[in-house]
């Protein structure tokens, strides 16, 4: 596991207010993306009202032909 933000040149953590008043939206920008960036990423947030966690998996492909379409969903 690697804690972010770190010293990776291709990675930026961004936040902004919204979408609702007193809310903050955050995201990770990985550019350029490489095979080494593949994996599971987790976001942990907490404040006086509680805690929240979300996760996402990144699978890096070389060409569009590596992306399969099953039952109308990307996989």
C-alpha atoms as a PDB file:
ATOM      1  CA  UNK A   1       0.000   0.000   0.000  1.00  0.00           C
ATOM      2  CA  UNK A   2       1.185   3.501  -0.843  1.00  0.00           C
ATOM      3  CA  UNK A   3      -0.183   6.578   0.890  1.00  0.00           C
ATOM      4  CA  UNK A   4      -1.009   9.526  -1.341  1.00  0.00           C
ATOM      5  CA  UNK A   5      -0.161  12.236  -2.029  1.00  0.00           C
ATOM      6  CA  UNK A   6       3.411  11.079  -2.432  1.00  0.00           C
ATOM      7  CA  UNK A   7       6.378  11.924  -4.592  1.00  0.00           C
ATOM      8  CA  UNK A   8       5.076  10.449  -7.855  1.00  0.00           C
ATOM      9  CA  UNK A   9       5.552  12.859 -10.759  1.00  0.00           C
ATOM     10  CA  UNK A  10       2.560  11.523 -12.731  1.00  0.00           C
ATOM     11  CA  UNK A  11       0.017  11.810  -9.901  1.00  0.00           C
ATOM     12  CA  UNK A  12      -1.961  14.799  -8.601  1.00  0.00           C
ATOM     13  CA  UNK A  13      -4.595  14.930  -5.852  1.00  0.00           C
ATOM     14  CA  UNK A  14      -7.277  17.571  -6.461  1.00  0.00           C
ATOM     15  CA  UNK A  15     -10.150  18.884  -4.332  1.00  0.00           C
ATOM     16  CA  UNK A  16     -12.817  21.521  -4.781  1.00  0.00           C
ATOM     17  CA  UNK A  17     -15.962  22.645  -3.028  1.00  0.00           C
ATOM     18  CA  UNK A  18     -19.300  21.089  -3.857  1.00  0.00           C
ATOM     19  CA  UNK A  19     -21.473  19.824  -5.281  1.00  0.00           C
ATOM     20  CA  UNK A  20     -23.524  20.930  -2.267  1.00  0.00           C
ATOM     21  CA  UNK A  21     -22.771  23.659   0.259  1.00  0.00           C
ATOM     22  CA  UNK A  22     -20.249  22.493   2.901  1.00  0.00           C
ATOM     23  CA  UNK A  23     -19.170  19.533   0.736  1.00  0.00           C
ATOM     24  CA  UNK A  24     -15.812  18.797  -0.866  1.00  0.00           C
ATOM     25  CA  UNK A  25     -15.190  16.688  -3.957  1.00  0.00           C
ATOM     26  CA  UNK A  26     -11.792  15.080  -4.461  1.00  0.00           C
ATOM     27  CA  UNK A  27     -10.141  13.053  -7.214  1.00  0.00           C
ATOM     28  CA  UNK A  28      -6.812  11.627  -8.334  1.00  0.00           C
ATOM     29  CA  UNK A  29      -5.313  12.490 -11.722  1.00  0.00           C
ATOM     30  CA  UNK A  30      -2.761  10.023 -13.123  1.00  0.00           C
ATOM     31  CA  UNK A  31      -1.044  11.341 -16.254  1.00  0.00           C
ATOM     32  CA  UNK A  32       0.583   9.760 -18.085  1.00  0.00           C
ATOM     33  CA  UNK A  33      -0.963   6.445 -17.064  1.00  0.00           C
ATOM     34  CA  UNK A  34       1.244   3.343 -17.194  1.00  0.00           C
ATOM     35  CA  UNK A  35       0.924  -0.373 -16.413  1.00  0.00           C
ATOM     36  CA  UNK A  36       2.616   0.275 -13.053  1.00  0.00           C
ATOM     37  CA  UNK A  37      -0.373   2.448 -12.018  1.00  0.00           C
ATOM     38  CA  UNK A  38      -2.782  -0.509 -12.217  1.00  0.00           C
ATOM     39  CA  UNK A  39      -4.274  -1.666  -8.941  1.00  0.00           C
ATOM     40  CA  UNK A  40      -6.845  -0.814  -6.310  1.00  0.00           C
ATOM     41  CA  UNK A  41      -7.064   2.697  -4.918  1.00  0.00           C
ATOM     42  CA  UNK A  42      -8.922   3.643  -1.722  1.00  0.00           C
ATOM     43  CA  UNK A  43     -10.119   6.981  -0.414  1.00  0.00           C
ATOM     44  CA  UNK A  44     -10.673   7.499   3.303  1.00  0.00           C
ATOM     45  CA  UNK A  45     -12.370  10.641   4.599  1.00  0.00           C
ATOM     46  CA  UNK A  46     -13.413  11.705   8.065  1.00  0.00           C
ATOM     47  CA  UNK A  47     -14.758  14.717   9.887  1.00  0.00           C
ATOM     48  CA  UNK A  48     -16.731  15.489  13.042  1.00  0.00           C
ATOM     49  CA  UNK A  49     -19.845  13.851  11.551  1.00  0.00           C
ATOM     50  CA  UNK A  50     -18.268  10.494  10.688  1.00  0.00           C
ATOM     51  CA  UNK A  51     -16.132   8.553   8.249  1.00  0.00           C
ATOM     52  CA  UNK A  52     -16.471   7.319   4.665  1.00  0.00           C
ATOM     53  CA  UNK A  53     -14.451   4.998   2.443  1.00  0.00           C
ATOM     54  CA  UNK A  54     -14.588   4.355  -1.292  1.00  0.00           C
ATOM     55  CA  UNK A  55     -12.437   2.223  -3.572  1.00  0.00           C
ATOM     56  CA  UNK A  56     -11.808   1.805  -7.279  1.00  0.00           C
ATOM     57  CA  UNK A  57      -9.728  -0.559  -9.411  1.00  0.00           C
ATOM     58  CA  UNK A  58      -7.653   0.590 -12.357  1.00  0.00           C
ATOM     59  CA  UNK A  59      -6.820  -1.881 -15.119  1.00  0.00           C
ATOM     60  CA  UNK A  60      -4.444  -0.450 -17.706  1.00  0.00           C
ATOM     61  CA  UNK A  61      -4.627  -1.730 -21.284  1.00  0.00           C
ATOM     62  CA  UNK A  62      -2.305  -1.086 -24.231  1.00  0.00           C
ATOM     63  CA  UNK A  63      -5.020  -1.042 -26.914  1.00  0.00           C
ATOM     64  CA  UNK A  64      -8.793  -0.734 -27.108  1.00  0.00           C
ATOM     65  CA  UNK A  65      -8.917  -4.359 -28.299  1.00  0.00           C
ATOM     66  CA  UNK A  66      -8.018  -5.449 -24.746  1.00  0.00           C
ATOM     67  CA  UNK A  67     -11.288  -4.020 -23.423  1.00  0.00           C
ATOM     68  CA  UNK A  68     -14.122  -6.575 -23.427  1.00  0.00           C
ATOM     69  CA  UNK A  69     -17.821  -5.843 -23.655  1.00  0.00           C
ATOM     70  CA  UNK A  70     -20.067  -8.248 -21.760  1.00  0.00           C
ATOM     71  CA  UNK A  71     -23.845  -7.848 -21.430  1.00  0.00           C
ATOM     72  CA  UNK A  72     -23.677  -4.171 -22.324  1.00  0.00           C
ATOM     73  CA  UNK A  73     -21.086  -3.347 -19.664  1.00  0.00           C
ATOM     74  CA  UNK A  74     -17.376  -2.634 -19.944  1.00  0.00           C
ATOM     75  CA  UNK A  75     -15.208  -5.102 -18.085  1.00  0.00           C
END
